[in-house]
Amino acid sequence: LTGDRYVVTNGKLRVAPAQRSDSGLYVCVAANMAGERESRGA
């Protein structure tokens, strides 16, 4: 997330501008000291 194309705000991922290489399977990962959970693949 260090570049300009990917931004995460309140959990939402924003990719701009989209490129064909952005096609793929995306998973949201939530983690704290108690553990880690993964969302369904989008």
Full PDB file with SEQRES, HELIX, SHEET, SSBOND, CRYST1, ORIGX, SCALE, CONECT and MASTER records, all heavy atoms in Angstrom:
SEQRES   1 A   42  LEU THR GLY ASP ARG TYR VAL VAL THR ASN GLY LYS LEU          
SEQRES   2 A   42  ARG VAL ALA PRO ALA GLN ARG SER ASP SER GLY LEU TYR          
SEQRES   3 A   42  VAL CYS VAL ALA ALA ASN MET ALA GLY GLU ARG GLU SER          
SEQRES   4 A   42  ARG GLY ALA                                                  
HELIX    1 AA1 ARG A   20  ASP A   22  5                                   3    
SHEET    1 AA1 2 TYR A   6  THR A   9  0                                        
SHEET    2 AA1 2 LYS A  12  VAL A  15 -1                                        
SHEET    1 AA2 2 VAL A  29  ASN A  32  0                                        
SHEET    2 AA2 2 GLY A  35  GLU A  38 -1                                        
CRYST1    1.000    1.000    1.000  90.00  90.00  90.00 P 1           1          
ORIGX1      1.000000  0.000000  0.000000        0.00000                         
ORIGX2      0.000000  1.000000  0.000000        0.00000                         
ORIGX3      0.000000  0.000000  1.000000        0.00000                         
SCALE1      1.000000  0.000000  0.000000        0.00000                         
SCALE2      0.000000  1.000000  0.000000        0.00000                         
SCALE3      0.000000  0.000000  1.000000        0.00000                         
ATOM      1  N   LEU A   1       0.801  -1.221   0.000  1.00  0.00           N  
ATOM      2  CA  LEU A   1       0.000   0.000   0.000  1.00  0.00           C  
ATOM      3  C   LEU A   1       0.833   1.270   0.000  1.00  0.00           C  
ATOM      4  O   LEU A   1       0.303   2.361   0.223  1.00  0.00           O  
ATOM      5  CB  LEU A   1      -0.932   0.007   1.217  1.00  0.00           C  
ATOM      6  CG  LEU A   1      -1.880  -1.188   1.338  1.00  0.00           C  
ATOM      7  CD1 LEU A   1      -2.710  -1.067   2.604  1.00  0.00           C  
ATOM      8  CD2 LEU A   1      -2.774  -1.299   0.124  1.00  0.00           C  
ATOM      9  N   THR A   2       2.131   1.161  -0.239  1.00  0.00           N  
ATOM     10  CA  THR A   2       2.988   2.337  -0.177  1.00  0.00           C  
ATOM     11  C   THR A   2       2.872   3.206  -1.424  1.00  0.00           C  
ATOM     12  O   THR A   2       3.251   4.366  -1.402  1.00  0.00           O  
ATOM     13  CB  THR A   2       4.456   1.919   0.011  1.00  0.00           C  
ATOM     14  OG1 THR A   2       4.844   1.029  -1.059  1.00  0.00           O  
ATOM     15  CG2 THR A   2       4.635   1.209   1.342  1.00  0.00           C  
ATOM     16  N   GLY A   3       2.372   2.667  -2.525  1.00  0.00           N  
ATOM     17  CA  GLY A   3       2.240   3.453  -3.749  1.00  0.00           C  
ATOM     18  C   GLY A   3       0.988   4.311  -3.742  1.00  0.00           C  
ATOM     19  O   GLY A   3       0.282   4.438  -2.747  1.00  0.00           O  
ATOM     20  N   ASP A   4       0.683   4.910  -4.896  1.00  0.00           N  
ATOM     21  CA  ASP A   4      -0.465   5.798  -5.019  1.00  0.00           C  
ATOM     22  C   ASP A   4      -1.713   5.080  -5.522  1.00  0.00           C  
ATOM     23  O   ASP A   4      -2.819   5.600  -5.378  1.00  0.00           O  
ATOM     24  CB  ASP A   4      -0.144   6.947  -5.991  1.00  0.00           C  
ATOM     25  CG  ASP A   4       0.966   7.845  -5.468  1.00  0.00           C  
ATOM     26  OD1 ASP A   4       1.108   7.926  -4.239  1.00  0.00           O  
ATOM     27  OD2 ASP A   4       1.676   8.449  -6.295  1.00  0.00           O  
ATOM     28  N   ARG A   5      -1.577   3.898  -6.104  1.00  0.00           N  
ATOM     29  CA  ARG A   5      -2.721   3.250  -6.752  1.00  0.00           C  
ATOM     30  C   ARG A   5      -3.629   2.534  -5.766  1.00  0.00           C  
ATOM     31  O   ARG A   5      -4.819   2.390  -6.008  1.00  0.00           O  
ATOM     32  CB  ARG A   5      -2.233   2.259  -7.806  1.00  0.00           C  
ATOM     33  CG  ARG A   5      -1.523   2.927  -8.978  1.00  0.00           C  
ATOM     34  CD  ARG A   5      -1.194   1.945 -10.069  1.00  0.00           C  
ATOM     35  NE  ARG A   5      -2.389   1.331 -10.598  1.00  0.00           N  
ATOM     36  CZ  ARG A   5      -2.671   0.032 -10.487  1.00  0.00           C  
ATOM     37  NH1 ARG A   5      -1.848  -0.775  -9.846  1.00  0.00           N  
ATOM     38  NH2 ARG A   5      -3.781  -0.450 -11.002  1.00  0.00           N  
ATOM     39  N   TYR A   6      -3.075   2.044  -4.661  1.00  0.00           N  
ATOM     40  CA  TYR A   6      -3.876   1.308  -3.687  1.00  0.00           C  
ATOM     41  C   TYR A   6      -4.079   2.156  -2.430  1.00  0.00           C  
ATOM     42  O   TYR A   6      -3.112   2.617  -1.827  1.00  0.00           O  
ATOM     43  CB  TYR A   6      -3.190  -0.008  -3.293  1.00  0.00           C  
ATOM     44  CG  TYR A   6      -2.943  -0.945  -4.447  1.00  0.00           C  
ATOM     45  CD1 TYR A   6      -1.648  -1.207  -4.886  1.00  0.00           C  
ATOM     46  CD2 TYR A   6      -3.995  -1.585  -5.091  1.00  0.00           C  
ATOM     47  CE1 TYR A   6      -1.408  -2.073  -5.935  1.00  0.00           C  
ATOM     48  CE2 TYR A   6      -3.765  -2.460  -6.144  1.00  0.00           C  
ATOM     49  CZ  TYR A   6      -2.467  -2.695  -6.562  1.00  0.00           C  
ATOM     50  OH  TYR A   6      -2.237  -3.552  -7.604  1.00  0.00           O  
ATOM     51  N   VAL A   7      -5.342   2.316  -2.042  1.00  0.00           N  
ATOM     52  CA  VAL A   7      -5.674   3.064  -0.827  1.00  0.00           C  
ATOM     53  C   VAL A   7      -6.729   2.274  -0.066  1.00  0.00           C  
ATOM     54  O   VAL A   7      -7.730   1.845  -0.645  1.00  0.00           O  
ATOM     55  CB  VAL A   7      -6.210   4.473  -1.151  1.00  0.00           C  
ATOM     56  CG1 VAL A   7      -6.605   5.191   0.133  1.00  0.00           C  
ATOM     57  CG2 VAL A   7      -5.160   5.287  -1.909  1.00  0.00           C  
ATOM     58  N   VAL A   8      -6.508   2.075   1.236  1.00  0.00           N  
ATOM     59  CA  VAL A   8      -7.489   1.417   2.098  1.00  0.00           C  
ATOM     60  C   VAL A   8      -8.020   2.438   3.090  1.00  0.00           C  
ATOM     61  O   VAL A   8      -7.257   3.032   3.855  1.00  0.00           O  
ATOM     62  CB  VAL A   8      -6.868   0.215   2.843  1.00  0.00           C  
ATOM     63  CG1 VAL A   8      -7.884  -0.393   3.810  1.00  0.00           C  
ATOM     64  CG2 VAL A   8      -6.391  -0.846   1.850  1.00  0.00           C  
ATOM     65  N   THR A   9      -9.346   2.655   3.057  1.00  0.00           N  
ATOM     66  CA  THR A   9     -10.006   3.598   3.958  1.00  0.00           C  
ATOM     67  C   THR A   9     -11.186   2.912   4.616  1.00  0.00           C  
ATOM     68  O   THR A   9     -12.103   2.462   3.921  1.00  0.00           O  
ATOM     69  CB  THR A   9     -10.498   4.839   3.193  1.00  0.00           C  
ATOM     70  OG1 THR A   9      -9.394   5.421   2.478  1.00  0.00           O  
ATOM     71  CG2 THR A   9     -11.072   5.870   4.151  1.00  0.00           C  
ATOM     72  N   ASN A  10     -11.158   2.825   5.932  1.00  0.00           N  
ATOM     73  CA  ASN A  10     -12.225   2.165   6.689  1.00  0.00           C  
ATOM     74  C   ASN A  10     -12.505   0.762   6.147  1.00  0.00           C  
ATOM     75  O   ASN A  10     -13.659   0.327   6.066  1.00  0.00           O  
ATOM     76  CB  ASN A  10     -13.507   3.004   6.663  1.00  0.00           C  
ATOM     77  CG  ASN A  10     -13.345   4.334   7.355  1.00  0.00           C  
ATOM     78  OD1 ASN A  10     -12.593   4.449   8.319  1.00  0.00           O  
ATOM     79  ND2 ASN A  10     -14.028   5.344   6.864  1.00  0.00           N  
ATOM     80  N   GLY A  11     -11.448   0.066   5.758  1.00  0.00           N  
ATOM     81  CA  GLY A  11     -11.591  -1.300   5.264  1.00  0.00           C  
ATOM     82  C   GLY A  11     -11.770  -1.399   3.769  1.00  0.00           C  
ATOM     83  O   GLY A  11     -11.478  -2.443   3.168  1.00  0.00           O  
ATOM     84  N   LYS A  12     -12.268  -0.344   3.105  1.00  0.00           N  
ATOM     85  CA  LYS A  12     -12.522  -0.382   1.662  1.00  0.00           C  
ATOM     86  C   LYS A  12     -11.220  -0.213   0.882  1.00  0.00           C  
ATOM     87  O   LYS A  12     -10.400   0.657   1.184  1.00  0.00           O  
ATOM     88  CB  LYS A  12     -13.503   0.723   1.271  1.00  0.00           C  
ATOM     89  CG  LYS A  12     -13.712   0.847  -0.243  1.00  0.00           C  
ATOM     90  CD  LYS A  12     -14.529   2.053  -0.616  1.00  0.00           C  
ATOM     91  CE  LYS A  12     -15.961   1.894  -0.228  1.00  0.00           C  
ATOM     92  NZ  LYS A  12     -16.804   2.989  -0.740  1.00  0.00           N  
ATOM     93  N   LEU A  13     -11.043  -1.070  -0.133  1.00  0.00           N  
ATOM     94  CA  LEU A  13      -9.877  -0.978  -1.017  1.00  0.00           C  
ATOM     95  C   LEU A  13     -10.257  -0.186  -2.258  1.00  0.00           C  
ATOM     96  O   LEU A  13     -11.247  -0.489  -2.929  1.00  0.00           O  
ATOM     97  CB  LEU A  13      -9.400  -2.370  -1.415  1.00  0.00           C  
ATOM     98  CG  LEU A  13      -8.277  -2.418  -2.465  1.00  0.00           C  
ATOM     99  CD1 LEU A  13      -6.995  -1.789  -1.930  1.00  0.00           C  
ATOM    100  CD2 LEU A  13      -8.021  -3.851  -2.921  1.00  0.00           C  
ATOM    101  N   ARG A  14      -9.439   0.826  -2.571  1.00  0.00           N  
ATOM    102  CA  ARG A  14      -9.649   1.648  -3.768  1.00  0.00           C  
ATOM    103  C   ARG A  14      -8.424   1.525  -4.658  1.00  0.00           C  
ATOM    104  O   ARG A  14      -7.293   1.722  -4.194  1.00  0.00           O  
ATOM    105  CB  ARG A  14      -9.878   3.105  -3.371  1.00  0.00           C  
ATOM    106  CG  ARG A  14     -10.247   4.027  -4.529  1.00  0.00           C  
ATOM    107  CD  ARG A  14     -10.538   5.433  -3.992  1.00  0.00           C  
ATOM    108  NE  ARG A  14     -11.059   6.320  -5.011  1.00  0.00           N  
ATOM    109  CZ  ARG A  14     -10.302   7.066  -5.819  1.00  0.00           C  
ATOM    110  NH1 ARG A  14      -8.974   7.035  -5.706  1.00  0.00           N  
ATOM    111  NH2 ARG A  14     -10.854   7.844  -6.722  1.00  0.00           N  
ATOM    112  N   VAL A  15      -8.652   1.185  -5.922  1.00  0.00           N  
ATOM    113  CA  VAL A  15      -7.578   1.039  -6.899  1.00  0.00           C  
ATOM    114  C   VAL A  15      -7.853   2.007  -8.037  1.00  0.00           C  
ATOM    115  O   VAL A  15      -8.906   1.942  -8.687  1.00  0.00           O  
ATOM    116  CB  VAL A  15      -7.495  -0.399  -7.450  1.00  0.00           C  
ATOM    117  CG1 VAL A  15      -6.288  -0.547  -8.375  1.00  0.00           C  
ATOM    118  CG2 VAL A  15      -7.415  -1.404  -6.305  1.00  0.00           C  
ATOM    119  N   ALA A  16      -6.919   2.923  -8.305  1.00  0.00           N  
ATOM    120  CA  ALA A  16      -7.138   3.916  -9.352  1.00  0.00           C  
ATOM    121  C   ALA A  16      -5.803   4.347  -9.956  1.00  0.00           C  
ATOM    122  O   ALA A  16      -4.866   4.650  -9.218  1.00  0.00           O  
ATOM    123  CB  ALA A  16      -7.874   5.132  -8.788  1.00  0.00           C  
ATOM    124  N   PRO A  17      -5.725   4.380 -11.296  1.00  0.00           N  
ATOM    125  CA  PRO A  17      -6.723   3.842 -12.221  1.00  0.00           C  
ATOM    126  C   PRO A  17      -6.533   2.329 -12.367  1.00  0.00           C  
ATOM    127  O   PRO A  17      -5.418   1.820 -12.198  1.00  0.00           O  
ATOM    128  CB  PRO A  17      -6.401   4.577 -13.520  1.00  0.00           C  
ATOM    129  CG  PRO A  17      -4.915   4.812 -13.445  1.00  0.00           C  
ATOM    130  CD  PRO A  17      -4.607   5.046 -11.993  1.00  0.00           C  
ATOM    131  N   ALA A  18      -7.598   1.624 -12.705  1.00  0.00           N  
ATOM    132  CA  ALA A  18      -7.526   0.172 -12.845  1.00  0.00           C  
ATOM    133  C   ALA A  18      -6.735  -0.210 -14.099  1.00  0.00           C  
ATOM    134  O   ALA A  18      -6.818   0.454 -15.128  1.00  0.00           O  
ATOM    135  CB  ALA A  18      -8.920  -0.424 -12.910  1.00  0.00           C  
ATOM    136  N   GLN A  19      -5.973  -1.285 -13.984  1.00  0.00           N  
ATOM    137  CA  GLN A  19      -5.222  -1.840 -15.103  1.00  0.00           C  
ATOM    138  C   GLN A  19      -5.607  -3.303 -15.285  1.00  0.00           C  
ATOM    139  O   GLN A  19      -6.135  -3.941 -14.364  1.00  0.00           O  
ATOM    140  CB  GLN A  19      -3.719  -1.732 -14.841  1.00  0.00           C  
ATOM    141  CG  GLN A  19      -3.228  -0.318 -14.607  1.00  0.00           C  
ATOM    142  CD  GLN A  19      -1.764  -0.263 -14.217  1.00  0.00           C  
ATOM    143  OE1 GLN A  19      -1.093  -1.291 -14.132  1.00  0.00           O  
ATOM    144  NE2 GLN A  19      -1.257   0.943 -13.970  1.00  0.00           N  
ATOM    145  N   ARG A  20      -5.348  -3.849 -16.464  1.00  0.00           N  
ATOM    146  CA  ARG A  20      -5.706  -5.243 -16.698  1.00  0.00           C  
ATOM    147  C   ARG A  20      -4.975  -6.169 -15.736  1.00  0.00           C  
ATOM    148  O   ARG A  20      -5.484  -7.209 -15.359  1.00  0.00           O  
ATOM    149  CB  ARG A  20      -5.383  -5.638 -18.140  1.00  0.00           C  
ATOM    150  CG  ARG A  20      -6.229  -4.920 -19.181  1.00  0.00           C  
ATOM    151  CD  ARG A  20      -6.236  -5.648 -20.500  1.00  0.00           C  
ATOM    152  NE  ARG A  20      -6.858  -6.964 -20.385  1.00  0.00           N  
ATOM    153  CZ  ARG A  20      -6.926  -7.843 -21.384  1.00  0.00           C  
ATOM    154  NH1 ARG A  20      -6.390  -7.547 -22.559  1.00  0.00           N  
ATOM    155  NH2 ARG A  20      -7.515  -9.008 -21.216  1.00  0.00           N  
ATOM    156  N   SER A  21      -3.771  -5.764 -15.302  1.00  0.00           N  
ATOM    157  CA  SER A  21      -3.013  -6.584 -14.358  1.00  0.00           C  
ATOM    158  C   SER A  21      -3.659  -6.620 -12.976  1.00  0.00           C  
ATOM    159  O   SER A  21      -3.256  -7.416 -12.129  1.00  0.00           O  
ATOM    160  CB  SER A  21      -1.579  -6.065 -14.245  1.00  0.00           C  
ATOM    161  OG  SER A  21      -1.562  -4.706 -13.819  1.00  0.00           O  
ATOM    162  N   ASP A  22      -4.663  -5.761 -12.738  1.00  0.00           N  
ATOM    163  CA  ASP A  22      -5.357  -5.784 -11.455  1.00  0.00           C  
ATOM    164  C   ASP A  22      -6.384  -6.902 -11.372  1.00  0.00           C  
ATOM    165  O   ASP A  22      -6.973  -7.117 -10.307  1.00  0.00           O  
ATOM    166  CB  ASP A  22      -6.052  -4.439 -11.199  1.00  0.00           C  
ATOM    167  CG  ASP A  22      -5.059  -3.311 -10.972  1.00  0.00           C  
ATOM    168  OD1 ASP A  22      -4.035  -3.549 -10.320  1.00  0.00           O  
ATOM    169  OD2 ASP A  22      -5.306  -2.189 -11.467  1.00  0.00           O  
ATOM    170  N   SER A  23      -6.637  -7.602 -12.456  1.00  0.00           N  
ATOM    171  CA  SER A  23      -7.550  -8.739 -12.418  1.00  0.00           C  
ATOM    172  C   SER A  23      -6.991  -9.816 -11.494  1.00  0.00           C  
ATOM    173  O   SER A  23      -5.777 -10.050 -11.451  1.00  0.00           O  
ATOM    174  CB  SER A  23      -7.753  -9.315 -13.821  1.00  0.00           C  
ATOM    175  OG  SER A  23      -8.327  -8.353 -14.687  1.00  0.00           O  
ATOM    176  N   GLY A  24      -7.865 -10.457 -10.741  1.00  0.00           N  
ATOM    177  CA  GLY A  24      -7.412 -11.509  -9.837  1.00  0.00           C  
ATOM    178  C   GLY A  24      -8.393 -11.740  -8.714  1.00  0.00           C  
ATOM    179  O   GLY A  24      -9.525 -11.232  -8.715  1.00  0.00           O  
ATOM    180  N   LEU A  25      -7.960 -12.496  -7.719  1.00  0.00           N  
ATOM    181  CA  LEU A  25      -8.779 -12.845  -6.563  1.00  0.00           C  
ATOM    182  C   LEU A  25      -8.329 -12.016  -5.365  1.00  0.00           C  
ATOM    183  O   LEU A  25      -7.179 -12.114  -4.935  1.00  0.00           O  
ATOM    184  CB  LEU A  25      -8.661 -14.336  -6.252  1.00  0.00           C  
ATOM    185  CG  LEU A  25      -9.543 -14.855  -5.112  1.00  0.00           C  
ATOM    186  CD1 LEU A  25     -11.013 -14.797  -5.517  1.00  0.00           C  
ATOM    187  CD2 LEU A  25      -9.151 -16.275  -4.734  1.00  0.00           C  
ATOM    188  N   TYR A  26      -9.240 -11.213  -4.814  1.00  0.00           N  
ATOM    189  CA  TYR A  26      -8.931 -10.326  -3.706  1.00  0.00           C  
ATOM    190  C   TYR A  26      -9.587 -10.850  -2.422  1.00  0.00           C  
ATOM    191  O   TYR A  26     -10.744 -11.288  -2.440  1.00  0.00           O  
ATOM    192  CB  TYR A  26      -9.426  -8.916  -3.988  1.00  0.00           C  
ATOM    193  CG  TYR A  26      -8.614  -8.180  -5.033  1.00  0.00           C  
ATOM    194  CD1 TYR A  26      -8.761  -8.469  -6.383  1.00  0.00           C  
ATOM    195  CD2 TYR A  26      -7.697  -7.206  -4.670  1.00  0.00           C  
ATOM    196  CE1 TYR A  26      -8.034  -7.804  -7.350  1.00  0.00           C  
ATOM    197  CE2 TYR A  26      -6.957  -6.521  -5.630  1.00  0.00           C  
ATOM    198  CZ  TYR A  26      -7.124  -6.837  -6.965  1.00  0.00           C  
ATOM    199  OH  TYR A  26      -6.391  -6.182  -7.916  1.00  0.00           O  
ATOM    200  N   VAL A  27      -8.843 -10.786  -1.330  1.00  0.00           N  
ATOM    201  CA  VAL A  27      -9.321 -11.235  -0.025  1.00  0.00           C  
ATOM    202  C   VAL A  27      -9.059 -10.132   0.987  1.00  0.00           C  
ATOM    203  O   VAL A  27      -7.963  -9.564   1.035  1.00  0.00           O  
ATOM    204  CB  VAL A  27      -8.629 -12.538   0.413  1.00  0.00           C  
ATOM    205  CG1 VAL A  27      -8.999 -12.899   1.846  1.00  0.00           C  
ATOM    206  CG2 VAL A  27      -8.997 -13.683  -0.519  1.00  0.00           C  
ATOM    207  N   CYS A  28     -10.067  -9.821   1.778  1.00  0.00           N  
ATOM    208  CA  CYS A  28      -9.940  -8.856   2.871  1.00  0.00           C  
ATOM    209  C   CYS A  28      -9.492  -9.603   4.126  1.00  0.00           C  
ATOM    210  O   CYS A  28     -10.087 -10.628   4.488  1.00  0.00           O  
ATOM    211  CB  CYS A  28     -11.283  -8.158   3.091  1.00  0.00           C  
ATOM    212  SG  CYS A  28     -11.319  -7.013   4.475  1.00  0.00           S  
ATOM    213  N   VAL A  29      -8.452  -9.103   4.782  1.00  0.00           N  
ATOM    214  CA  VAL A  29      -7.885  -9.760   5.962  1.00  0.00           C  
ATOM    215  C   VAL A  29      -8.050  -8.838   7.167  1.00  0.00           C  
ATOM    216  O   VAL A  29      -7.632  -7.684   7.139  1.00  0.00           O  
ATOM    217  CB  VAL A  29      -6.396 -10.087   5.751  1.00  0.00           C  
ATOM    218  CG1 VAL A  29      -5.832 -10.813   6.979  1.00  0.00           C  
ATOM    219  CG2 VAL A  29      -6.206 -10.933   4.495  1.00  0.00           C  
ATOM    220  N   ALA A  30      -8.695  -9.355   8.220  1.00  0.00           N  
ATOM    221  CA  ALA A  30      -8.872  -8.612   9.465  1.00  0.00           C  
ATOM    222  C   ALA A  30      -8.047  -9.282  10.548  1.00  0.00           C  
ATOM    223  O   ALA A  30      -8.129 -10.500  10.732  1.00  0.00           O  
ATOM    224  CB  ALA A  30     -10.347  -8.572   9.871  1.00  0.00           C  
ATOM    225  N   ALA A  31      -7.236  -8.519  11.264  1.00  0.00           N  
ATOM    226  CA  ALA A  31      -6.346  -9.108  12.270  1.00  0.00           C  
ATOM    227  C   ALA A  31      -6.225  -8.190  13.475  1.00  0.00           C  
ATOM    228  O   ALA A  31      -6.195  -6.968  13.348  1.00  0.00           O  
ATOM    229  CB  ALA A  31      -4.964  -9.376  11.667  1.00  0.00           C  
ATOM    230  N   ASN A  32      -6.171  -8.800  14.645  1.00  0.00           N  
ATOM    231  CA  ASN A  32      -5.801  -8.112  15.873  1.00  0.00           C  
ATOM    232  C   ASN A  32      -5.029  -9.086  16.750  1.00  0.00           C  
ATOM    233  O   ASN A  32      -4.634 -10.164  16.288  1.00  0.00           O  
ATOM    234  CB  ASN A  32      -7.027  -7.518  16.596  1.00  0.00           C  
ATOM    235  CG  ASN A  32      -7.979  -8.589  17.104  1.00  0.00           C  
ATOM    236  OD1 ASN A  32      -7.714  -9.787  17.013  1.00  0.00           O  
ATOM    237  ND2 ASN A  32      -9.099  -8.161  17.649  1.00  0.00           N  
ATOM    238  N   MET A  33      -4.809  -8.719  18.000  1.00  0.00           N  
ATOM    239  CA  MET A  33      -4.007  -9.566  18.888  1.00  0.00           C  
ATOM    240  C   MET A  33      -4.652 -10.922  19.134  1.00  0.00           C  
ATOM    241  O   MET A  33      -3.971 -11.895  19.480  1.00  0.00           O  
ATOM    242  CB  MET A  33      -3.791  -8.843  20.224  1.00  0.00           C  
ATOM    243  CG  MET A  33      -3.005  -7.548  20.101  1.00  0.00           C  
ATOM    244  SD  MET A  33      -3.015  -6.597  21.641  1.00  0.00           S  
ATOM    245  CE  MET A  33      -2.322  -7.804  22.767  1.00  0.00           C  
ATOM    246  N   ALA A  34      -5.979 -11.006  18.930  1.00  0.00           N  
ATOM    247  CA  ALA A  34      -6.691 -12.253  19.216  1.00  0.00           C  
ATOM    248  C   ALA A  34      -6.653 -13.240  18.059  1.00  0.00           C  
ATOM    249  O   ALA A  34      -6.950 -14.418  18.242  1.00  0.00           O  
ATOM    250  CB  ALA A  34      -8.142 -11.947  19.576  1.00  0.00           C  
ATOM    251  N   GLY A  35      -6.316 -12.772  16.856  1.00  0.00           N  
ATOM    252  CA  GLY A  35      -6.283 -13.702  15.729  1.00  0.00           C  
ATOM    253  C   GLY A  35      -6.431 -12.996  14.406  1.00  0.00           C  
ATOM    254  O   GLY A  35      -6.280 -11.771  14.301  1.00  0.00           O  
ATOM    255  N   GLU A  36      -6.761 -13.786  13.366  1.00  0.00           N  
ATOM    256  CA  GLU A  36      -6.866 -13.270  12.000  1.00  0.00           C  
ATOM    257  C   GLU A  36      -8.022 -13.956  11.298  1.00  0.00           C  
ATOM    258  O   GLU A  36      -8.256 -15.152  11.478  1.00  0.00           O  
ATOM    259  CB  GLU A  36      -5.558 -13.515  11.240  1.00  0.00           C  
ATOM    260  CG  GLU A  36      -5.543 -12.984   9.814  1.00  0.00           C  
ATOM    261  CD  GLU A  36      -4.188 -13.176   9.145  1.00  0.00           C  
ATOM    262  OE1 GLU A  36      -3.214 -12.544   9.581  1.00  0.00           O  
ATOM    263  OE2 GLU A  36      -4.107 -13.992   8.197  1.00  0.00           O  
ATOM    264  N   ARG A  37      -8.763 -13.191  10.502  1.00  0.00           N  
ATOM    265  CA  ARG A  37      -9.880 -13.721   9.728  1.00  0.00           C  
ATOM    266  C   ARG A  37      -9.745 -13.256   8.283  1.00  0.00           C  
ATOM    267  O   ARG A  37      -9.325 -12.128   8.029  1.00  0.00           O  
ATOM    268  CB  ARG A  37     -11.224 -13.252  10.289  1.00  0.00           C  
ATOM    269  CG  ARG A  37     -11.479 -13.637  11.740  1.00  0.00           C  
ATOM    270  CD  ARG A  37     -11.833 -15.099  11.891  1.00  0.00           C  
ATOM    271  NE  ARG A  37     -12.206 -15.390  13.269  1.00  0.00           N  
ATOM    272  CZ  ARG A  37     -11.343 -15.775  14.206  1.00  0.00           C  
ATOM    273  NH1 ARG A  37     -10.045 -15.891  13.899  1.00  0.00           N  
ATOM    274  NH2 ARG A  37     -11.744 -16.031  15.442  1.00  0.00           N  
ATOM    275  N   GLU A  38     -10.140 -14.134   7.347  1.00  0.00           N  
ATOM    276  CA  GLU A  38     -10.126 -13.785   5.926  1.00  0.00           C  
ATOM    277  C   GLU A  38     -11.545 -13.829   5.377  1.00  0.00           C  
ATOM    278  O   GLU A  38     -12.320 -14.724   5.714  1.00  0.00           O  
ATOM    279  CB  GLU A  38      -9.224 -14.730   5.125  1.00  0.00           C  
ATOM    280  CG  GLU A  38      -7.747 -14.565   5.420  1.00  0.00           C  
ATOM    281  CD  GLU A  38      -6.875 -15.311   4.419  1.00  0.00           C  
ATOM    282  OE1 GLU A  38      -7.440 -16.023   3.562  1.00  0.00           O  
ATOM    283  OE2 GLU A  38      -5.636 -15.186   4.500  1.00  0.00           O  
ATOM    284  N   SER A  39     -11.867 -12.844   4.523  1.00  0.00           N  
ATOM    285  CA  SER A  39     -13.181 -12.787   3.902  1.00  0.00           C  
ATOM    286  C   SER A  39     -13.254 -13.802   2.756  1.00  0.00           C  
ATOM    287  O   SER A  39     -12.274 -14.481   2.433  1.00  0.00           O  
ATOM    288  CB  SER A  39     -13.441 -11.384   3.358  1.00  0.00           C  
ATOM    289  OG  SER A  39     -12.615 -11.137   2.216  1.00  0.00           O  
ATOM    290  N   ARG A  40     -14.419 -13.877   2.140  1.00  0.00           N  
ATOM    291  CA  ARG A  40     -14.541 -14.654   0.908  1.00  0.00           C  
ATOM    292  C   ARG A  40     -13.677 -14.004  -0.168  1.00  0.00           C  
ATOM    293  O   ARG A  40     -13.363 -12.813  -0.102  1.00  0.00           O  
ATOM    294  CB  ARG A  40     -15.995 -14.698   0.440  1.00  0.00           C  
ATOM    295  CG  ARG A  40     -16.514 -13.325  -0.029  1.00  0.00           C  
ATOM    296  CD  ARG A  40     -17.922 -13.392  -0.605  1.00  0.00           C  
ATOM    297  NE  ARG A  40     -17.951 -14.109  -1.852  1.00  0.00           N  
ATOM    298  CZ  ARG A  40     -17.732 -13.555  -3.050  1.00  0.00           C  
ATOM    299  NH1 ARG A  40     -17.454 -12.260  -3.125  1.00  0.00           N  
ATOM    300  NH2 ARG A  40     -17.787 -14.260  -4.136  1.00  0.00           N  
ATOM    301  N   GLY A  41     -13.282 -14.778  -1.162  1.00  0.00           N  
ATOM    302  CA  GLY A  41     -12.508 -14.232  -2.261  1.00  0.00           C  
ATOM    303  C   GLY A  41     -13.408 -13.505  -3.253  1.00  0.00           C  
ATOM    304  O   GLY A  41     -14.472 -14.010  -3.635  1.00  0.00           O  
ATOM    305  N   ALA A  42     -13.016 -12.305  -3.647  1.00  0.00           N  
ATOM    306  CA  ALA A  42     -13.763 -11.514  -4.628  1.00  0.00           C  
ATOM    307  C   ALA A  42     -13.011 -11.555  -5.956  1.00  0.00           C  
ATOM    308  O   ALA A  42     -11.845 -11.156  -6.033  1.00  0.00           O  
ATOM    309  CB  ALA A  42     -13.932 -10.084  -4.147  1.00  0.00           C  
TER     310      ALA A  42                                                      
MASTER        0    0    0    1    4    0    0    6  309    1    0    4          
END                                                                             
